[in-house]
Amino acid sequence: MQLDVSPEVLLSQLGYSKSESSLAQAEKMISSTSNFDKFSKHIFSLNDHLKKMNAYVGLSNKTDYLKIKCDENDADEILEEFHEEVNHWANKYNVKLEKLDNKPIYYILGTH
């Protein structure tokens, strides 16, 4: 079954309330992310895995991409597990990420 991840589905699955601005932001993110439909349904399982690490997948206020973020105050072991989980997910689904320097934040750019 092919799950079509619309802006509405994305917002509700990631815990956002639906507003005109959040829908517009989600639409822009989807169109900016290369081959979004190839891995989009796997974003929700990643988000579920990250919750136990005080991390999440969410809309970015600075870019037109989804961000993956972990609380910087977490223990080193949690931060290490966060980076491993994100990289494993990206490799598994052939997703290109951009990591911010010295911060536990990644942007999902799309597939290779």
PDB file of N, CA and C in Angstrom:
ATOM      1  N   MET A   1       0.838  -1.186   0.000  1.00  0.00           N
ATOM      2  CA  MET A   1       0.000   0.000   0.000  1.00  0.00           C
ATOM      3  C   MET A   1       0.883   1.249   0.000  1.00  0.00           C
ATOM      4  N   GLN A   2       0.619   2.129  -0.897  1.00  0.00           N
ATOM      5  CA  GLN A   2       1.390   3.374  -0.980  1.00  0.00           C
ATOM      6  C   GLN A   2       0.687   4.443  -0.138  1.00  0.00           C
ATOM      7  N   LEU A   3       1.359   4.905   0.872  1.00  0.00           N
ATOM      8  CA  LEU A   3       0.802   5.951   1.722  1.00  0.00           C
ATOM      9  C   LEU A   3       1.207   7.294   1.141  1.00  0.00           C
ATOM     10  N   ASP A   4       0.223   8.088   0.789  1.00  0.00           N
ATOM     11  CA  ASP A   4       0.510   9.405   0.249  1.00  0.00           C
ATOM     12  C   ASP A   4       0.605  10.379   1.415  1.00  0.00           C
ATOM     13  N   VAL A   5       1.778  10.933   1.615  1.00  0.00           N
ATOM     14  CA  VAL A   5       1.975  11.848   2.738  1.00  0.00           C
ATOM     15  C   VAL A   5       1.692  13.266   2.258  1.00  0.00           C
ATOM     16  N   SER A   6       0.500  13.707   2.578  1.00  0.00           N
ATOM     17  CA  SER A   6       0.081  15.066   2.222  1.00  0.00           C
ATOM     18  C   SER A   6       0.533  16.016   3.331  1.00  0.00           C
ATOM     19  N   PRO A   7       0.481  17.321   3.073  1.00  0.00           N
ATOM     20  CA  PRO A   7       0.815  18.268   4.152  1.00  0.00           C
ATOM     21  C   PRO A   7      -0.026  18.043   5.400  1.00  0.00           C
ATOM     22  N   GLU A   8      -1.319  17.723   5.219  1.00  0.00           N
ATOM     23  CA  GLU A   8      -2.204  17.492   6.369  1.00  0.00           C
ATOM     24  C   GLU A   8      -1.756  16.280   7.182  1.00  0.00           C
ATOM     25  N   VAL A   9      -1.431  15.184   6.478  1.00  0.00           N
ATOM     26  CA  VAL A   9      -0.977  13.961   7.153  1.00  0.00           C
ATOM     27  C   VAL A   9       0.332  14.239   7.894  1.00  0.00           C
ATOM     28  N   LEU A  10       1.242  14.909   7.235  1.00  0.00           N
ATOM     29  CA  LEU A  10       2.537  15.229   7.833  1.00  0.00           C
ATOM     30  C   LEU A  10       2.354  16.024   9.126  1.00  0.00           C
ATOM     31  N   LEU A  11       1.552  17.068   9.064  1.00  0.00           N
ATOM     32  CA  LEU A  11       1.341  17.908  10.244  1.00  0.00           C
ATOM     33  C   LEU A  11       0.733  17.114  11.389  1.00  0.00           C
ATOM     34  N   SER A  12      -0.301  16.320  11.109  1.00  0.00           N
ATOM     35  CA  SER A  12      -0.958  15.591  12.194  1.00  0.00           C
ATOM     36  C   SER A  12      -0.046  14.517  12.771  1.00  0.00           C
ATOM     37  N   GLN A  13       0.722  13.815  11.916  1.00  0.00           N
ATOM     38  CA  GLN A  13       1.603  12.760  12.404  1.00  0.00           C
ATOM     39  C   GLN A  13       2.777  13.308  13.227  1.00  0.00           C
ATOM     40  N   LEU A  14       3.187  14.532  12.934  1.00  0.00           N
ATOM     41  CA  LEU A  14       4.307  15.123  13.682  1.00  0.00           C
ATOM     42  C   LEU A  14       3.827  16.014  14.831  1.00  0.00           C
ATOM     43  N   GLY A  15       2.513  16.050  15.047  1.00  0.00           N
ATOM     44  CA  GLY A  15       1.979  16.739  16.215  1.00  0.00           C
ATOM     45  C   GLY A  15       1.756  18.233  16.061  1.00  0.00           C
ATOM     46  N   TYR A  16       1.640  18.708  14.838  1.00  0.00           N
ATOM     47  CA  TYR A  16       1.390  20.126  14.599  1.00  0.00           C
ATOM     48  C   TYR A  16      -0.110  20.366  14.444  1.00  0.00           C
ATOM     49  N   SER A  17      -0.552  21.545  14.843  1.00  0.00           N
ATOM     50  CA  SER A  17      -1.939  21.910  14.561  1.00  0.00           C
ATOM     51  C   SER A  17      -1.997  22.452  13.141  1.00  0.00           C
ATOM     52  N   LYS A  18      -3.130  22.220  12.513  1.00  0.00           N
ATOM     53  CA  LYS A  18      -3.275  22.660  11.124  1.00  0.00           C
ATOM     54  C   LYS A  18      -3.716  24.118  11.082  1.00  0.00           C
ATOM     55  N   SER A  19      -2.909  24.926  10.438  1.00  0.00           N
ATOM     56  CA  SER A  19      -3.257  26.332  10.207  1.00  0.00           C
ATOM     57  C   SER A  19      -2.829  26.639   8.786  1.00  0.00           C
ATOM     58  N   GLU A  20      -3.263  27.776   8.282  1.00  0.00           N
ATOM     59  CA  GLU A  20      -2.856  28.137   6.918  1.00  0.00           C
ATOM     60  C   GLU A  20      -1.342  28.221   6.810  1.00  0.00           C
ATOM     61  N   SER A  21      -0.693  28.814   7.810  1.00  0.00           N
ATOM     62  CA  SER A  21       0.758  28.974   7.733  1.00  0.00           C
ATOM     63  C   SER A  21       1.489  27.633   7.850  1.00  0.00           C
ATOM     64  N   SER A  22       1.028  26.737   8.734  1.00  0.00           N
ATOM     65  CA  SER A  22       1.708  25.447   8.865  1.00  0.00           C
ATOM     66  C   SER A  22       1.485  24.587   7.626  1.00  0.00           C
ATOM     67  N   LEU A  23       0.291  24.654   7.028  1.00  0.00           N
ATOM     68  CA  LEU A  23       0.039  23.918   5.788  1.00  0.00           C
ATOM     69  C   LEU A  23       0.918  24.449   4.661  1.00  0.00           C
ATOM     70  N   ALA A  24       1.042  25.756   4.575  1.00  0.00           N
ATOM     71  CA  ALA A  24       1.881  26.360   3.535  1.00  0.00           C
ATOM     72  C   ALA A  24       3.342  25.967   3.746  1.00  0.00           C
ATOM     73  N   GLN A  25       3.787  25.963   4.999  1.00  0.00           N
ATOM     74  CA  GLN A  25       5.164  25.582   5.306  1.00  0.00           C
ATOM     75  C   GLN A  25       5.406  24.112   4.941  1.00  0.00           C
ATOM     76  N   ALA A  26       4.451  23.242   5.263  1.00  0.00           N
ATOM     77  CA  ALA A  26       4.592  21.818   4.938  1.00  0.00           C
ATOM     78  C   ALA A  26       4.606  21.611   3.420  1.00  0.00           C
ATOM     79  N   GLU A  27       3.757  22.313   2.707  1.00  0.00           N
ATOM     80  CA  GLU A  27       3.727  22.197   1.243  1.00  0.00           C
ATOM     81  C   GLU A  27       5.054  22.634   0.631  1.00  0.00           C
ATOM     82  N   LYS A  28       5.592  23.739   1.131  1.00  0.00           N
ATOM     83  CA  LYS A  28       6.865  24.246   0.617  1.00  0.00           C
ATOM     84  C   LYS A  28       7.994  23.256   0.908  1.00  0.00           C
ATOM     85  N   MET A  29       7.983  22.665   2.107  1.00  0.00           N
ATOM     86  CA  MET A  29       8.992  21.684   2.486  1.00  0.00           C
ATOM     87  C   MET A  29       8.912  20.468   1.562  1.00  0.00           C
ATOM     88  N   ILE A  30       7.711  19.965   1.314  1.00  0.00           N
ATOM     89  CA  ILE A  30       7.544  18.792   0.457  1.00  0.00           C
ATOM     90  C   ILE A  30       8.082  19.086  -0.946  1.00  0.00           C
ATOM     91  N   SER A  31       7.774  20.256  -1.480  1.00  0.00           N
ATOM     92  CA  SER A  31       8.231  20.577  -2.837  1.00  0.00           C
ATOM     93  C   SER A  31       9.739  20.852  -2.884  1.00  0.00           C
ATOM     94  N   SER A  32      10.342  21.259  -1.779  1.00  0.00           N
ATOM     95  CA  SER A  32      11.787  21.534  -1.738  1.00  0.00           C
ATOM     96  C   SER A  32      12.625  20.274  -1.542  1.00  0.00           C
ATOM     97  N   THR A  33      12.007  19.217  -1.029  1.00  0.00           N
ATOM     98  CA  THR A  33      12.728  17.994  -0.682  1.00  0.00           C
ATOM     99  C   THR A  33      12.692  17.033  -1.863  1.00  0.00           C
ATOM    100  N   SER A  34      13.871  16.714  -2.411  1.00  0.00           N
ATOM    101  CA  SER A  34      13.905  15.860  -3.605  1.00  0.00           C
ATOM    102  C   SER A  34      13.404  14.452  -3.300  1.00  0.00           C
ATOM    103  N   ASN A  35      12.523  13.964  -4.155  1.00  0.00           N
ATOM    104  CA  ASN A  35      11.939  12.614  -4.041  1.00  0.00           C
ATOM    105  C   ASN A  35      11.310  12.353  -2.678  1.00  0.00           C
ATOM    106  N   PHE A  36      10.637  13.349  -2.143  1.00  0.00           N
ATOM    107  CA  PHE A  36      10.023  13.241  -0.815  1.00  0.00           C
ATOM    108  C   PHE A  36       9.141  12.006  -0.698  1.00  0.00           C
ATOM    109  N   ASP A  37       8.383  11.716  -1.760  1.00  0.00           N
ATOM    110  CA  ASP A  37       7.453  10.586  -1.718  1.00  0.00           C
ATOM    111  C   ASP A  37       8.149   9.233  -1.580  1.00  0.00           C
ATOM    112  N   LYS A  38       9.445   9.150  -1.904  1.00  0.00           N
ATOM    113  CA  LYS A  38      10.166   7.873  -1.830  1.00  0.00           C
ATOM    114  C   LYS A  38      10.442   7.430  -0.391  1.00  0.00           C
ATOM    115  N   PHE A  39      10.523   8.357   0.536  1.00  0.00           N
ATOM    116  CA  PHE A  39      10.858   7.990   1.922  1.00  0.00           C
ATOM    117  C   PHE A  39       9.921   8.614   2.953  1.00  0.00           C
ATOM    118  N   SER A  40       8.948   9.389   2.504  1.00  0.00           N
ATOM    119  CA  SER A  40       8.133  10.189   3.431  1.00  0.00           C
ATOM    120  C   SER A  40       7.438   9.361   4.512  1.00  0.00           C
ATOM    121  N   LYS A  41       6.927   8.184   4.161  1.00  0.00           N
ATOM    122  CA  LYS A  41       6.206   7.403   5.172  1.00  0.00           C
ATOM    123  C   LYS A  41       7.137   6.901   6.276  1.00  0.00           C
ATOM    124  N   HIS A  42       8.442   6.863   6.017  1.00  0.00           N
ATOM    125  CA  HIS A  42       9.407   6.385   7.017  1.00  0.00           C
ATOM    126  C   HIS A  42       9.791   7.480   8.013  1.00  0.00           C
ATOM    127  N   ILE A  43       9.402   8.704   7.731  1.00  0.00           N
ATOM    128  CA  ILE A  43       9.687   9.812   8.653  1.00  0.00           C
ATOM    129  C   ILE A  43       8.980   9.588   9.986  1.00  0.00           C
ATOM    130  N   PHE A  44       7.778   9.027   9.930  1.00  0.00           N
ATOM    131  CA  PHE A  44       6.987   8.856  11.155  1.00  0.00           C
ATOM    132  C   PHE A  44       7.593   7.798  12.074  1.00  0.00           C
ATOM    133  N   SER A  45       8.137   6.710  11.496  1.00  0.00           N
ATOM    134  CA  SER A  45       8.775   5.702  12.352  1.00  0.00           C
ATOM    135  C   SER A  45      10.065   6.266  12.962  1.00  0.00           C
ATOM    136  N   LEU A  46      10.793   7.081  12.192  1.00  0.00           N
ATOM    137  CA  LEU A  46      11.982   7.731  12.745  1.00  0.00           C
ATOM    138  C   LEU A  46      11.582   8.628  13.918  1.00  0.00           C
ATOM    139  N   ASN A  47      10.553   9.418  13.741  1.00  0.00           N
ATOM    140  CA  ASN A  47      10.091  10.314  14.795  1.00  0.00           C
ATOM    141  C   ASN A  47       9.725   9.524  16.057  1.00  0.00           C
ATOM    142  N   ASP A  48       9.047   8.385  15.885  1.00  0.00           N
ATOM    143  CA  ASP A  48       8.680   7.547  17.033  1.00  0.00           C
ATOM    144  C   ASP A  48       9.920   7.029  17.756  1.00  0.00           C
ATOM    145  N   HIS A  49      10.923   6.574  17.005  1.00  0.00           N
ATOM    146  CA  HIS A  49      12.173   6.084  17.608  1.00  0.00           C
ATOM    147  C   HIS A  49      12.887   7.197  18.370  1.00  0.00           C
ATOM    148  N   LEU A  50      12.840   8.414  17.849  1.00  0.00           N
ATOM    149  CA  LEU A  50      13.591   9.517  18.450  1.00  0.00           C
ATOM    150  C   LEU A  50      12.955  10.053  19.732  1.00  0.00           C
ATOM    151  N   LYS A  51      11.661   9.863  19.887  1.00  0.00           N
ATOM    152  CA  LYS A  51      10.967  10.420  21.059  1.00  0.00           C
ATOM    153  C   LYS A  51      11.602   9.976  22.372  1.00  0.00           C
ATOM    154  N   LYS A  52      12.045   8.716  22.423  1.00  0.00           N
ATOM    155  CA  LYS A  52      12.646   8.222  23.671  1.00  0.00           C
ATOM    156  C   LYS A  52      13.989   8.878  23.976  1.00  0.00           C
ATOM    157  N   MET A  53      14.545   9.582  22.987  1.00  0.00           N
ATOM    158  CA  MET A  53      15.830  10.274  23.165  1.00  0.00           C
ATOM    159  C   MET A  53      15.622  11.779  23.343  1.00  0.00           C
ATOM    160  N   ASN A  54      14.400  12.202  23.557  1.00  0.00           N
ATOM    161  CA  ASN A  54      14.112  13.625  23.678  1.00  0.00           C
ATOM    162  C   ASN A  54      14.414  14.346  22.361  1.00  0.00           C
ATOM    163  N   ALA A  55      14.156  13.667  21.248  1.00  0.00           N
ATOM    164  CA  ALA A  55      14.431  14.205  19.925  1.00  0.00           C
ATOM    165  C   ALA A  55      13.169  14.075  19.073  1.00  0.00           C
ATOM    166  N   TYR A  56      13.170  14.744  17.931  1.00  0.00           N
ATOM    167  CA  TYR A  56      11.976  14.736  17.088  1.00  0.00           C
ATOM    168  C   TYR A  56      12.308  15.152  15.660  1.00  0.00           C
ATOM    169  N   VAL A  57      11.352  14.887  14.768  1.00  0.00           N
ATOM    170  CA  VAL A  57      11.383  15.403  13.403  1.00  0.00           C
ATOM    171  C   VAL A  57      10.355  16.523  13.368  1.00  0.00           C
ATOM    172  N   GLY A  58      10.723  17.657  12.785  1.00  0.00           N
ATOM    173  CA  GLY A  58       9.788  18.777  12.756  1.00  0.00           C
ATOM    174  C   GLY A  58      10.066  19.739  11.614  1.00  0.00           C
ATOM    175  N   LEU A  59       9.174  20.682  11.463  1.00  0.00           N
ATOM    176  CA  LEU A  59       9.349  21.727  10.463  1.00  0.00           C
ATOM    177  C   LEU A  59      10.430  22.692  10.942  1.00  0.00           C
ATOM    178  N   SER A  60      11.201  23.196  10.017  1.00  0.00           N
ATOM    179  CA  SER A  60      12.258  24.139  10.350  1.00  0.00           C
ATOM    180  C   SER A  60      11.766  25.560  10.106  1.00  0.00           C
ATOM    181  N   ASN A  61      12.106  26.454  11.007  1.00  0.00           N
ATOM    182  CA  ASN A  61      11.765  27.870  10.812  1.00  0.00           C
ATOM    183  C   ASN A  61      12.824  28.595   9.982  1.00  0.00           C
ATOM    184  N   LYS A  62      13.992  27.962   9.816  1.00  0.00           N
ATOM    185  CA  LYS A  62      15.095  28.619   9.118  1.00  0.00           C
ATOM    186  C   LYS A  62      15.278  28.140   7.683  1.00  0.00           C
ATOM    187  N   THR A  63      14.777  26.936   7.364  1.00  0.00           N
ATOM    188  CA  THR A  63      14.947  26.393   6.014  1.00  0.00           C
ATOM    189  C   THR A  63      13.615  25.849   5.513  1.00  0.00           C
ATOM    190  N   ASP A  64      13.603  25.408   4.258  1.00  0.00           N
ATOM    191  CA  ASP A  64      12.410  24.791   3.684  1.00  0.00           C
ATOM    192  C   ASP A  64      12.468  23.272   3.785  1.00  0.00           C
ATOM    193  N   TYR A  65      13.225  22.749   4.745  1.00  0.00           N
ATOM    194  CA  TYR A  65      13.355  21.306   4.914  1.00  0.00           C
ATOM    195  C   TYR A  65      12.861  20.882   6.286  1.00  0.00           C
ATOM    196  N   LEU A  66      12.600  19.583   6.424  1.00  0.00           N
ATOM    197  CA  LEU A  66      12.316  19.043   7.753  1.00  0.00           C
ATOM    198  C   LEU A  66      13.623  18.989   8.523  1.00  0.00           C
ATOM    199  N   LYS A  67      13.536  19.186   9.819  1.00  0.00           N
ATOM    200  CA  LYS A  67      14.742  19.048  10.638  1.00  0.00           C
ATOM    201  C   LYS A  67      14.562  17.871  11.590  1.00  0.00           C
ATOM    202  N   ILE A  68      15.685  17.302  11.964  1.00  0.00           N
ATOM    203  CA  ILE A  68      15.736  16.250  12.967  1.00  0.00           C
ATOM    204  C   ILE A  68      16.580  16.832  14.086  1.00  0.00           C
ATOM    205  N   LYS A  69      16.003  16.935  15.276  1.00  0.00           N
ATOM    206  CA  LYS A  69      16.696  17.660  16.344  1.00  0.00           C
ATOM    207  C   LYS A  69      16.652  16.896  17.658  1.00  0.00           C
ATOM    208  N   CYS A  70      17.769  16.957  18.369  1.00  0.00           N
ATOM    209  CA  CYS A  70      17.877  16.364  19.699  1.00  0.00           C
ATOM    210  C   CYS A  70      18.198  17.481  20.693  1.00  0.00           C
ATOM    211  N   ASP A  71      17.712  17.334  21.906  1.00  0.00           N
ATOM    212  CA  ASP A  71      17.993  18.311  22.948  1.00  0.00           C
ATOM    213  C   ASP A  71      19.491  18.311  23.246  1.00  0.00           C
ATOM    214  N   GLU A  72      20.112  19.468  23.120  1.00  0.00           N
ATOM    215  CA  GLU A  72      21.571  19.564  23.312  1.00  0.00           C
ATOM    216  C   GLU A  72      22.006  19.272  24.737  1.00  0.00           C
ATOM    217  N   ASN A  73      21.098  19.311  25.686  1.00  0.00           N
ATOM    218  CA  ASN A  73      21.456  19.092  27.083  1.00  0.00           C
ATOM    219  C   ASN A  73      21.448  17.617  27.465  1.00  0.00           C
ATOM    220  N   ASP A  74      21.124  16.745  26.524  1.00  0.00           N
ATOM    221  CA  ASP A  74      21.081  15.321  26.826  1.00  0.00           C
ATOM    222  C   ASP A  74      22.475  14.768  27.115  1.00  0.00           C
ATOM    223  N   ALA A  75      22.487  13.626  27.783  1.00  0.00           N
ATOM    224  CA  ALA A  75      23.748  12.943  28.091  1.00  0.00           C
ATOM    225  C   ALA A  75      24.447  12.537  26.797  1.00  0.00           C
ATOM    226  N   ASP A  76      25.767  12.403  26.875  1.00  0.00           N
ATOM    227  CA  ASP A  76      26.563  12.030  25.700  1.00  0.00           C
ATOM    228  C   ASP A  76      26.078  10.725  25.076  1.00  0.00           C
ATOM    229  N   GLU A  77      25.682   9.755  25.922  1.00  0.00           N
ATOM    230  CA  GLU A  77      25.225   8.461  25.403  1.00  0.00           C
ATOM    231  C   GLU A  77      23.962   8.646  24.562  1.00  0.00           C
ATOM    232  N   ILE A  78      23.071   9.497  25.006  1.00  0.00           N
ATOM    233  CA  ILE A  78      21.828   9.745  24.267  1.00  0.00           C
ATOM    234  C   ILE A  78      22.132  10.460  22.960  1.00  0.00           C
ATOM    235  N   LEU A  79      23.014  11.444  23.001  1.00  0.00           N
ATOM    236  CA  LEU A  79      23.391  12.157  21.776  1.00  0.00           C
ATOM    237  C   LEU A  79      24.054  11.208  20.781  1.00  0.00           C
ATOM    238  N   GLU A  80      24.886  10.322  21.288  1.00  0.00           N
ATOM    239  CA  GLU A  80      25.548   9.351  20.405  1.00  0.00           C
ATOM    240  C   GLU A  80      24.507   8.415  19.775  1.00  0.00           C
ATOM    241  N   GLU A  81      23.569   7.945  20.587  1.00  0.00           N
ATOM    242  CA  GLU A  81      22.509   7.074  20.076  1.00  0.00           C
ATOM    243  C   GLU A  81      21.657   7.821  19.045  1.00  0.00           C
ATOM    244  N   PHE A  82      21.393   9.093  19.304  1.00  0.00           N
ATOM    245  CA  PHE A  82      20.632   9.929  18.371  1.00  0.00           C
ATOM    246  C   PHE A  82      21.327   9.986  17.008  1.00  0.00           C
ATOM    247  N   HIS A  83      22.624  10.315  17.000  1.00  0.00           N
ATOM    248  CA  HIS A  83      23.365  10.413  15.740  1.00  0.00           C
ATOM    249  C   HIS A  83      23.392   9.062  15.008  1.00  0.00           C
ATOM    250  N   GLU A  84      23.577   7.978  15.764  1.00  0.00           N
ATOM    251  CA  GLU A  84      23.587   6.644  15.154  1.00  0.00           C
ATOM    252  C   GLU A  84      22.236   6.317  14.530  1.00  0.00           C
ATOM    253  N   GLU A  85      21.167   6.604  15.244  1.00  0.00           N
ATOM    254  CA  GLU A  85      19.814   6.312  14.746  1.00  0.00           C
ATOM    255  C   GLU A  85      19.509   7.117  13.483  1.00  0.00           C
ATOM    256  N   VAL A  86      19.840   8.401  13.492  1.00  0.00           N
ATOM    257  CA  VAL A  86      19.585   9.266  12.338  1.00  0.00           C
ATOM    258  C   VAL A  86      20.388   8.791  11.127  1.00  0.00           C
ATOM    259  N   ASN A  87      21.652   8.494  11.329  1.00  0.00           N
ATOM    260  CA  ASN A  87      22.488   8.037  10.216  1.00  0.00           C
ATOM    261  C   ASN A  87      22.057   6.677   9.691  1.00  0.00           C
ATOM    262  N   HIS A  88      21.662   5.780  10.598  1.00  0.00           N
ATOM    263  CA  HIS A  88      21.163   4.469  10.174  1.00  0.00           C
ATOM    264  C   HIS A  88      19.907   4.640   9.306  1.00  0.00           C
ATOM    265  N   TRP A  89      18.995   5.483   9.750  1.00  0.00           N
ATOM    266  CA  TRP A  89      17.756   5.746   9.006  1.00  0.00           C
ATOM    267  C   TRP A  89      18.078   6.332   7.632  1.00  0.00           C
ATOM    268  N   ALA A  90      18.962   7.304   7.602  1.00  0.00           N
ATOM    269  CA  ALA A  90      19.313   7.957   6.335  1.00  0.00           C
ATOM    270  C   ALA A  90      19.952   6.967   5.365  1.00  0.00           C
ATOM    271  N   ASN A  91      20.839   6.124   5.870  1.00  0.00           N
ATOM    272  CA  ASN A  91      21.485   5.126   5.012  1.00  0.00           C
ATOM    273  C   ASN A  91      20.485   4.091   4.514  1.00  0.00           C
ATOM    274  N   LYS A  92      19.596   3.663   5.390  1.00  0.00           N
ATOM    275  CA  LYS A  92      18.610   2.640   5.035  1.00  0.00           C
ATOM    276  C   LYS A  92      17.697   3.097   3.897  1.00  0.00           C
ATOM    277  N   TYR A  93      17.284   4.368   3.936  1.00  0.00           N
ATOM    278  CA  TYR A  93      16.344   4.883   2.937  1.00  0.00           C
ATOM    279  C   TYR A  93      17.006   5.790   1.901  1.00  0.00           C
ATOM    280  N   ASN A  94      18.348   5.811   1.906  1.00  0.00           N
ATOM    281  CA  ASN A  94      19.113   6.572   0.915  1.00  0.00           C
ATOM    282  C   ASN A  94      18.760   8.061   0.943  1.00  0.00           C
ATOM    283  N   VAL A  95      18.638   8.591   2.153  1.00  0.00           N
ATOM    284  CA  VAL A  95      18.246   9.987   2.346  1.00  0.00           C
ATOM    285  C   VAL A  95      19.491  10.837   2.590  1.00  0.00           C
ATOM    286  N   LYS A  96      19.541  11.960   1.918  1.00  0.00           N
ATOM    287  CA  LYS A  96      20.656  12.895   2.061  1.00  0.00           C
ATOM    288  C   LYS A  96      20.321  13.876   3.193  1.00  0.00           C
ATOM    289  N   LEU A  97      21.255  14.005   4.124  1.00  0.00           N
ATOM    290  CA  LEU A  97      21.080  14.902   5.270  1.00  0.00           C
ATOM    291  C   LEU A  97      22.128  16.002   5.242  1.00  0.00           C
ATOM    292  N   GLU A  98      21.804  17.097   5.863  1.00  0.00           N
ATOM    293  CA  GLU A  98      22.796  18.142   6.116  1.00  0.00           C
ATOM    294  C   GLU A  98      22.850  18.329   7.627  1.00  0.00           C
ATOM    295  N   LYS A  99      24.039  18.133   8.206  1.00  0.00           N
ATOM    296  CA  LYS A  99      24.193  18.278   9.656  1.00  0.00           C
ATOM    297  C   LYS A  99      24.724  19.663   9.968  1.00  0.00           C
ATOM    298  N   LEU A 100      24.154  20.282  10.977  1.00  0.00           N
ATOM    299  CA  LEU A 100      24.658  21.577  11.416  1.00  0.00           C
ATOM    300  C   LEU A 100      25.914  21.366  12.245  1.00  0.00           C
ATOM    301  N   ASP A 101      26.889  22.237  12.068  1.00  0.00           N
ATOM    302  CA  ASP A 101      28.138  22.137  12.821  1.00  0.00           C
ATOM    303  C   ASP A 101      27.882  22.279  14.313  1.00  0.00           C
ATOM    304  N   ASN A 102      28.449  21.363  15.068  1.00  0.00           N
ATOM    305  CA  ASN A 102      28.435  21.410  16.536  1.00  0.00           C
ATOM    306  C   ASN A 102      27.047  21.442  17.154  1.00  0.00           C
ATOM    307  N   LYS A 103      26.042  20.981  16.418  1.00  0.00           N
ATOM    308  CA  LYS A 103      24.695  20.923  16.986  1.00  0.00           C
ATOM    309  C   LYS A 103      24.052  19.593  16.600  1.00  0.00           C
ATOM    310  N   PRO A 104      23.202  19.043  17.483  1.00  0.00           N
ATOM    311  CA  PRO A 104      22.519  17.796  17.152  1.00  0.00           C
ATOM    312  C   PRO A 104      21.267  18.080  16.290  1.00  0.00           C
ATOM    313  N   ILE A 105      21.497  18.684  15.128  1.00  0.00           N
ATOM    314  CA  ILE A 105      20.416  19.028  14.209  1.00  0.00           C
ATOM    315  C   ILE A 105      20.811  18.610  12.795  1.00  0.00           C
ATOM    316  N   TYR A 106      19.874  17.969  12.118  1.00  0.00           N
ATOM    317  CA  TYR A 106      20.043  17.586  10.718  1.00  0.00           C
ATOM    318  C   TYR A 106      18.882  18.147   9.918  1.00  0.00           C
ATOM    319  N   TYR A 107      19.118  18.414   8.645  1.00  0.00           N
ATOM    320  CA  TYR A 107      18.040  18.762   7.718  1.00  0.00           C
ATOM    321  C   TYR A 107      17.910  17.632   6.711  1.00  0.00           C
ATOM    322  N   ILE A 108      16.672  17.247   6.417  1.00  0.00           N
ATOM    323  CA  ILE A 108      16.403  16.201   5.427  1.00  0.00           C
ATOM    324  C   ILE A 108      16.291  16.861   4.070  1.00  0.00           C
ATOM    325  N   LEU A 109      17.293  16.617   3.195  1.00  0.00           N
ATOM    326  CA  LEU A 109      17.342  17.274   1.896  1.00  0.00           C
ATOM    327  C   LEU A 109      16.633  16.493   0.802  1.00  0.00           C
ATOM    328  N   GLY A 110      16.485  15.193   0.979  1.00  0.00           N
ATOM    329  CA  GLY A 110      15.845  14.344  -0.033  1.00  0.00           C
ATOM    330  C   GLY A 110      16.678  13.111  -0.270  1.00  0.00           C
ATOM    331  N   THR A 111      16.387  12.404  -1.382  1.00  0.00           N
ATOM    332  CA  THR A 111      17.163  11.209  -1.690  1.00  0.00           C
ATOM    333  C   THR A 111      18.256  11.532  -2.679  1.00  0.00           C
ATOM    334  N   HIS A 112      19.239  10.665  -2.728  1.00  0.00           N
ATOM    335  CA  HIS A 112      20.401  10.840  -3.618  1.00  0.00           C
ATOM    336  C   HIS A 112      20.005  10.662  -5.069  1.00  0.00           C
TER     337      HIS A 112
END
